[in-house]
Structures are given as C-alpha cells and as structure tokens.
C-alpha cells in the first residue's frame, strides 16, 4: 500500500477559487475557503459563574489585628483550638 503524504500548507485549487457566480461570500463564511467559520458563544449562566469565581478568588481582606492576636497567643503557648467550632464552621460553609 502506498500512502502519499501531503504537507499541511498545500491546498487544492477549489479551496482558494472564487465562487463560480462571481458574487461575494455569504455571511459567516471566510473569504478564502467559502466554509463557515467556527465560533463560540458562552451562556449568561456561565458568565455569571465565571464572575462569581473571579470575585471569590480575588484578594481577601486580611484582619491584621486578629492575626497579631493569634500570633501572640501561639508565641506565648496560650492558643487554644476548639475542634467543635472548627467542624461546625466547616459544615456551615458546605451547606
């Protein structure tokens, strides 16, 4: 079996030929091939979701006073962890 490889830059004459009727391209078709071009349209729901994700992942407000307070407690060895409160807050965020 003999398979002839054609480089991707070669085209046949039909792709670049002008339309037989001499008229301009129809809307939505490219000038060189006469084939409709691809296009992507995103739904409004997707756009809303993308905007929400962007606002969530944006810069968060850092409460420097709270950070310094906890850092001081850790340094002094008096910082207490409340596992029940942590678990409750995690469940509240999920629901």
Protein backbone atom coordinates (compact mmCIF):
# COMPACT_ATOMS: atom_id res chain seq x y z
CA UNK A 1 0.00 0.00 0.00
CA UNK A 2 1.40 3.38 -0.98
CA UNK A 3 0.30 6.40 1.08
CA UNK A 4 1.28 9.80 -0.24
CA UNK A 5 1.90 12.43 2.41
CA UNK A 6 0.76 15.95 1.59
CA UNK A 7 2.30 18.83 3.60
CA UNK A 8 -0.31 20.81 5.55
CA UNK A 9 0.46 24.04 3.67
CA UNK A 10 -0.66 22.63 0.31
CA UNK A 11 -4.25 23.12 -0.72
CA UNK A 12 -6.20 22.15 -3.76
CA UNK A 13 -7.37 24.80 -6.22
CA UNK A 14 -11.05 24.56 -5.19
CA UNK A 15 -10.37 25.98 -1.73
CA UNK A 16 -8.92 29.23 -2.98
CA UNK A 17 -11.02 29.67 -6.10
CA UNK A 18 -13.58 32.46 -6.34
CA UNK A 19 -17.24 31.47 -6.37
CA UNK A 20 -18.48 30.42 -9.81
CA UNK A 21 -21.26 33.02 -9.78
CA UNK A 22 -18.78 35.85 -9.14
CA UNK A 23 -20.70 37.05 -6.10
CA UNK A 24 -19.11 37.91 -2.74
CA UNK A 25 -19.05 35.42 0.09
CA UNK A 26 -22.18 34.70 2.03
CA UNK A 27 -22.24 35.92 5.66
CA UNK A 28 -20.48 33.62 8.12
CA UNK A 29 -18.11 32.20 5.52
CA UNK A 30 -14.45 33.03 5.13
CA UNK A 31 -13.12 34.75 2.01
CA UNK A 32 -10.55 32.10 1.11
CA UNK A 33 -12.36 28.82 1.65
CA UNK A 34 -16.08 29.57 1.47
CA UNK A 35 -16.50 27.42 4.58
CA UNK A 36 -18.37 28.72 7.62
CA UNK A 37 -16.03 29.76 10.42
CA UNK A 38 -16.25 28.29 13.92
CA UNK A 39 -17.49 30.46 16.75
CA UNK A 40 -18.02 30.01 20.49
CA UNK A 41 -20.79 31.71 22.42
CA UNK A 42 -20.86 31.39 26.21
CA UNK A 43 -24.17 31.35 28.04
CA UNK A 44 -25.13 34.04 30.53
CA UNK A 45 -25.15 31.38 33.28
CA UNK A 46 -21.52 30.57 32.55
CA UNK A 47 -20.60 34.26 32.54
CA UNK A 48 -22.30 34.72 35.93
CA UNK A 49 -20.44 31.71 37.33
CA UNK A 50 -17.11 32.94 35.97
CA UNK A 51 -17.66 36.37 37.52
CA UNK A 52 -18.59 34.81 40.88
CA UNK A 53 -15.46 32.63 40.86
CA UNK A 54 -13.33 35.62 39.96
CA UNK A 55 -14.70 37.66 42.87
CA UNK A 56 -14.21 34.75 45.31
CA UNK A 57 -10.62 34.13 44.25
CA UNK A 58 -9.76 37.83 44.39
CA UNK A 59 -7.79 39.44 47.18
CA UNK A 60 -9.23 38.64 50.58
CA UNK A 61 -9.42 41.12 53.42
CA UNK A 62 -6.75 40.29 56.00
CA UNK A 63 -7.66 41.15 59.57
CA UNK A 64 -4.19 42.11 60.77
CA UNK A 65 -5.40 42.77 64.33
CA UNK A 66 -6.78 39.22 64.59
CA UNK A 67 -3.61 37.76 63.02
CA UNK A 68 -1.40 39.58 65.52
CA UNK A 69 -3.60 38.48 68.43
CA UNK A 70 -3.42 34.79 67.42
CA UNK A 71 0.30 35.05 66.67
CA UNK A 72 0.87 36.40 70.18
CA UNK A 73 -1.15 33.56 71.71
CA UNK A 74 0.83 30.97 69.73
CA UNK A 75 4.14 32.53 70.76
CA UNK A 76 3.13 32.53 74.44
CA UNK A 77 1.72 28.98 74.27
CA UNK A 78 -1.80 30.05 75.30
CA UNK A 79 -3.55 29.47 71.96
CA UNK A 80 -6.46 27.04 72.36
CA UNK A 81 -8.04 25.18 69.44
CA UNK A 82 -11.78 24.42 69.57
CA UNK A 83 -12.32 21.40 67.26
CA UNK A 84 -16.10 21.57 67.65
CA UNK A 85 -16.24 25.17 66.45
CA UNK A 86 -13.97 24.38 63.51
CA UNK A 87 -16.11 21.40 62.46
CA UNK A 88 -19.30 23.43 62.84
CA UNK A 89 -17.97 26.26 60.69
CA UNK A 90 -16.82 23.77 58.02
CA UNK A 91 -20.30 22.22 57.89
CA UNK A 92 -21.94 25.65 57.70
CA UNK A 93 -19.75 26.56 54.70
CA UNK A 94 -20.64 23.34 52.91
CA UNK A 95 -24.38 23.75 53.41
